[in-house]
Amino acid sequence: MKKIIITVFSLLTINSFTQCYKLVQNEVIAKYRVYFTKNKSEANILGYQVNSYAEILKPGLIYLAPMYFNKATPVYKVNSVDKADLIIFWVGKKEDAKWIK
């Protein structure tokens, strides 16, 4: 039983880490390039911005962390969909948040 609990917790931790981002000013140090779209059909993430790292419990819930937060993945904001690795459309409810592509 302990192994199952540890496995579930590990999956939640991995899932949380990949949805915790910090915006950086230098594209070279960023892991991903991100574009925030106003067109839902071009997005690959329907994102809902949460207020803390602890609130990331399912795909699509995103925490934009401060620069000093070490667990956050560095991302660089681009001005074009064509240059982006992640395209995020912000939704108004947590229930609507998810990865779609």
Protein backbone atom coordinates (compact mmCIF):
# COMPACT_ATOMS: atom_id res chain seq x y z
CA MET A 1 0.00 0.00 0.00
CA LYS A 2 2.85 2.41 0.76
CA LYS A 3 4.24 1.99 -2.76
CA ILE A 4 0.93 3.02 -4.34
CA ILE A 5 0.69 6.15 -2.19
CA ILE A 6 4.27 7.14 -3.01
CA THR A 7 3.66 6.62 -6.73
CA VAL A 8 0.52 8.78 -6.74
CA PHE A 9 2.31 11.51 -4.77
CA SER A 10 5.26 11.36 -7.21
CA LEU A 11 2.96 11.80 -10.18
CA LEU A 12 1.31 14.81 -8.58
CA THR A 13 4.69 16.36 -7.86
CA ILE A 14 5.93 15.87 -11.43
CA ASN A 15 2.66 17.22 -12.80
CA SER A 16 2.89 20.25 -10.54
CA PHE A 17 6.47 21.02 -11.45
CA THR A 18 5.72 21.20 -15.17
CA GLN A 19 2.96 23.77 -14.60
CA CYS A 20 4.94 26.15 -12.45
CA TYR A 21 6.61 28.75 -14.63
CA LYS A 22 8.62 31.91 -14.11
CA LEU A 23 8.90 34.48 -16.88
CA VAL A 24 12.51 35.31 -17.73
CA GLN A 25 13.87 38.16 -19.83
CA ASN A 26 16.54 36.10 -21.60
CA GLU A 27 15.38 33.53 -24.17
CA VAL A 28 18.66 31.61 -23.87
CA ILE A 29 17.97 30.51 -20.28
CA ALA A 30 14.31 29.64 -20.92
CA LYS A 31 13.24 26.03 -21.24
CA TYR A 32 10.14 26.95 -23.27
CA ARG A 33 8.87 29.88 -25.29
CA VAL A 34 5.31 30.77 -24.33
CA TYR A 35 2.60 32.78 -26.07
CA PHE A 36 -0.53 34.00 -24.30
CA THR A 37 -3.33 33.98 -26.86
CA LYS A 38 -6.79 35.51 -26.97
CA ASN A 39 -7.86 32.90 -29.55
CA LYS A 40 -8.94 29.69 -27.84
CA SER A 41 -8.68 27.60 -31.02
CA GLU A 42 -4.91 28.10 -31.36
CA ALA A 43 -4.08 27.20 -27.75
CA ASN A 44 -2.60 23.92 -26.54
CA ILE A 45 -3.29 24.75 -22.90
CA LEU A 46 -6.48 26.10 -21.41
CA GLY A 47 -4.85 27.64 -18.38
CA TYR A 48 -6.18 28.93 -15.12
CA GLN A 49 -3.76 30.97 -13.06
CA VAL A 50 -3.60 29.90 -9.44
CA ASN A 51 -2.11 31.93 -6.60
CA SER A 52 0.33 29.41 -5.14
CA TYR A 53 2.42 26.38 -5.99
CA ALA A 54 0.26 24.23 -3.68
CA GLU A 55 -2.85 24.85 -5.81
CA ILE A 56 -1.48 23.05 -8.88
CA LEU A 57 -3.52 19.86 -8.68
CA LYS A 58 -4.50 19.06 -12.28
CA PRO A 59 -3.38 19.79 -15.86
CA GLY A 60 -4.05 23.34 -16.92
CA LEU A 61 -3.68 24.91 -13.48
CA ILE A 62 -0.67 27.21 -13.78
CA TYR A 63 1.34 29.09 -11.21
CA LEU A 64 3.42 31.99 -12.51
CA ALA A 65 6.09 32.07 -9.85
CA PRO A 66 8.43 34.88 -8.83
CA MET A 67 11.98 34.80 -10.22
CA TYR A 68 13.53 33.50 -6.99
CA PHE A 69 11.29 30.37 -6.95
CA ASN A 70 13.73 27.54 -7.75
CA LYS A 71 11.12 24.89 -8.61
CA ALA A 72 9.67 26.96 -11.46
CA THR A 73 10.46 26.23 -15.10
CA PRO A 74 11.88 29.31 -16.85
CA VAL A 75 9.82 30.46 -19.84
CA TYR A 76 10.25 33.32 -22.27
CA LYS A 77 7.23 35.24 -23.55
CA VAL A 78 7.17 35.58 -27.35
CA ASN A 79 4.99 37.81 -29.51
CA SER A 80 4.05 35.21 -32.13
CA VAL A 81 2.29 31.85 -32.12
CA ASP A 82 4.80 30.55 -34.65
CA LYS A 83 7.70 31.01 -32.23
CA ALA A 84 5.97 29.45 -29.20
CA ASP A 85 6.42 26.01 -27.65
CA LEU A 86 3.42 26.53 -25.34
CA ILE A 87 0.31 28.48 -26.30
CA ILE A 88 -1.87 29.40 -23.34
CA PHE A 89 -5.45 30.65 -23.39
CA TRP A 90 -6.59 31.85 -19.96
CA VAL A 91 -9.96 30.50 -18.80
CA GLY A 92 -12.18 31.94 -16.09
CA LYS A 93 -12.86 28.77 -14.07
CA LYS A 94 -10.58 26.08 -12.64
CA GLU A 95 -12.89 23.40 -13.97
CA ASP A 96 -12.19 24.48 -17.57
CA ALA A 97 -8.40 24.22 -17.25
CA LYS A 98 -6.70 21.42 -19.20
CA TRP A 99 -4.09 20.51 -21.79
CA ILE A 100 -5.77 20.17 -25.17
CA LYS A 101 -2.94 19.36 -27.60
